[in-house]
Amino acid sequence: MINFIMGCDYYVVINLYIYFNDNEYNYLTIELERHKCYYYYDEYGEYNKYREEKLDEYTKSILRPKMKPMIIYDNHNFTKLSFETMYKSLVENKINERNKKWCDVKKIIKVERRYERI
């Protein structure tokens, strides 16, 4: 059996960033979702004299995150009960791996990142 690995043009990744009290830049990342995505160039015909400029605009717009960052946890509390239900055990496992406790957690933010495949 032959396995083919399909490439992609760019990724859309949803992460949780867990920030700790001891340092704003000291954080853990939990990847929640990763999607392989492709550009669709059909509307930018081969003979269009503005093609390159439009392709650049299109690429920039596609790589701009569509989801605004969400604060999931702040001031030692989840900002919504549904966030606690969805993420508490996942975050707890991750912080326990680093010998941290909930009292060490300053903030948790859910962020979408988009970037081209290299």
Protein backbone atom coordinates (compact mmCIF):
# COMPACT_ATOMS: atom_id res chain seq x y z
CA MET A 1 0.00 0.00 0.00
CA ILE A 2 1.34 3.42 -0.96
CA ASN A 3 0.61 6.38 1.31
CA PHE A 4 0.45 9.79 -0.29
CA ILE A 5 0.87 12.88 1.83
CA MET A 6 -1.21 15.68 0.46
CA GLY A 7 0.30 19.13 0.80
CA CYS A 8 -1.55 22.37 1.27
CA ASP A 9 -1.07 26.07 0.70
CA TYR A 10 -1.65 27.29 4.24
CA TYR A 11 -2.76 26.18 7.69
CA VAL A 12 -5.47 27.46 10.00
CA VAL A 13 -4.61 26.61 13.60
CA ILE A 14 -6.66 27.29 16.73
CA ASN A 15 -4.56 27.40 19.91
CA LEU A 16 -5.01 28.03 23.58
CA TYR A 17 -2.25 30.16 25.07
CA ILE A 18 -1.86 29.68 28.82
CA TYR A 19 -0.03 32.56 30.50
CA PHE A 20 1.41 32.25 33.98
CA ASN A 21 1.72 34.75 36.83
CA ASP A 22 5.50 34.55 36.97
CA ASN A 23 6.08 35.98 33.49
CA GLU A 24 3.80 37.30 30.73
CA TYR A 25 6.00 35.67 28.10
CA ASN A 26 6.13 32.35 29.86
CA TYR A 27 3.26 30.44 28.33
CA LEU A 28 2.14 27.03 27.15
CA THR A 29 0.35 26.33 23.91
CA ILE A 30 -2.37 23.75 23.36
CA GLU A 31 -3.31 23.13 19.75
CA LEU A 32 -7.06 22.58 19.50
CA GLU A 33 -7.53 22.41 15.73
CA ARG A 34 -5.40 22.34 12.58
CA HIS A 35 -6.80 22.58 9.07
CA LYS A 36 -4.95 22.23 5.79
CA CYS A 37 -6.26 24.80 3.32
CA TYR A 38 -5.79 25.73 -0.32
CA TYR A 39 -5.91 28.94 -2.30
CA TYR A 40 -8.50 29.20 -5.07
CA TYR A 41 -7.21 31.29 -7.94
CA ASP A 42 -9.94 30.63 -10.51
CA GLU A 43 -11.32 34.17 -10.42
CA TYR A 44 -7.90 35.66 -11.23
CA GLY A 45 -7.58 34.75 -14.88
CA GLU A 46 -4.22 34.04 -16.46
CA TYR A 47 -4.44 37.05 -18.80
CA ASN A 48 -5.61 39.65 -16.28
CA LYS A 49 -3.04 42.49 -16.21
CA TYR A 50 -3.78 43.11 -12.50
CA ARG A 51 -3.46 39.43 -11.63
CA GLU A 52 -0.31 39.63 -9.45
CA GLU A 53 -1.63 42.58 -7.45
CA LYS A 54 -4.99 40.89 -6.92
CA LEU A 55 -3.32 37.60 -5.97
CA ASP A 56 -1.24 39.40 -3.35
CA GLU A 57 -4.37 41.08 -1.90
CA TYR A 58 -6.21 37.76 -1.96
CA THR A 59 -3.38 35.93 -0.18
CA LYS A 60 -3.12 38.60 2.52
CA SER A 61 -6.88 38.49 3.12
CA ILE A 62 -6.90 34.69 3.35
CA LEU A 63 -4.02 34.67 5.86
CA ARG A 64 -5.72 37.25 8.10
CA PRO A 65 -7.35 35.46 11.07
CA LYS A 66 -11.15 35.39 10.93
CA MET A 67 -11.67 34.67 14.63
CA LYS A 68 -10.96 37.39 17.18
CA PRO A 69 -8.86 36.25 20.16
CA MET A 70 -11.09 35.14 23.06
CA ILE A 71 -10.21 35.37 26.72
CA ILE A 72 -11.11 31.98 28.15
CA TYR A 73 -9.74 32.40 31.66
CA ASP A 74 -8.88 35.55 33.61
CA ASN A 75 -8.67 36.56 37.29
CA HIS A 76 -8.63 32.93 38.41
CA ASN A 77 -11.97 32.17 36.73
CA PHE A 78 -13.23 30.95 33.41
CA THR A 79 -15.07 33.73 31.63
CA LYS A 80 -17.97 31.40 30.73
CA LEU A 81 -19.22 28.16 32.20
CA SER A 82 -19.09 26.58 28.74
CA PHE A 83 -15.36 27.39 28.51
CA GLU A 84 -14.78 25.68 31.83
CA THR A 85 -16.69 22.61 30.64
CA MET A 86 -14.76 22.46 27.36
CA TYR A 87 -11.23 23.29 28.45
CA LYS A 88 -10.70 22.72 32.18
CA SER A 89 -9.48 19.12 32.08
CA LEU A 90 -7.38 19.73 28.95
CA VAL A 91 -5.65 22.72 30.53
CA GLU A 92 -5.28 20.97 33.86
CA ASN A 93 -3.44 18.06 32.24
CA LYS A 94 -1.10 20.44 30.42
CA ILE A 95 -0.27 22.58 33.45
CA ASN A 96 0.24 19.48 35.63
CA GLU A 97 2.85 18.26 33.12
CA ARG A 98 4.78 21.47 33.86
CA ASN A 99 4.36 21.19 37.64
CA LYS A 100 2.06 24.21 37.69
CA LYS A 101 -1.24 24.71 39.48
CA TRP A 102 -4.35 26.72 38.72
CA CYS A 103 -3.16 29.45 41.08
CA ASP A 104 -0.17 29.91 38.73
CA VAL A 105 -2.38 30.56 35.71
CA LYS A 106 -2.87 34.22 34.91
CA LYS A 107 -4.83 34.09 31.67
CA ILE A 108 -5.89 31.74 28.88
CA ILE A 109 -6.58 33.06 25.41
CA LYS A 110 -7.96 31.20 22.39
CA VAL A 111 -6.31 32.43 19.19
CA GLU A 112 -6.54 31.60 15.50
CA ARG A 113 -3.32 31.63 13.49
CA ARG A 114 -3.03 31.33 9.72
CA TYR A 115 0.27 30.81 7.97
CA GLU A 116 1.61 29.56 4.69
CA ARG A 117 3.16 26.14 4.42
CA ILE A 118 6.91 26.42 3.99
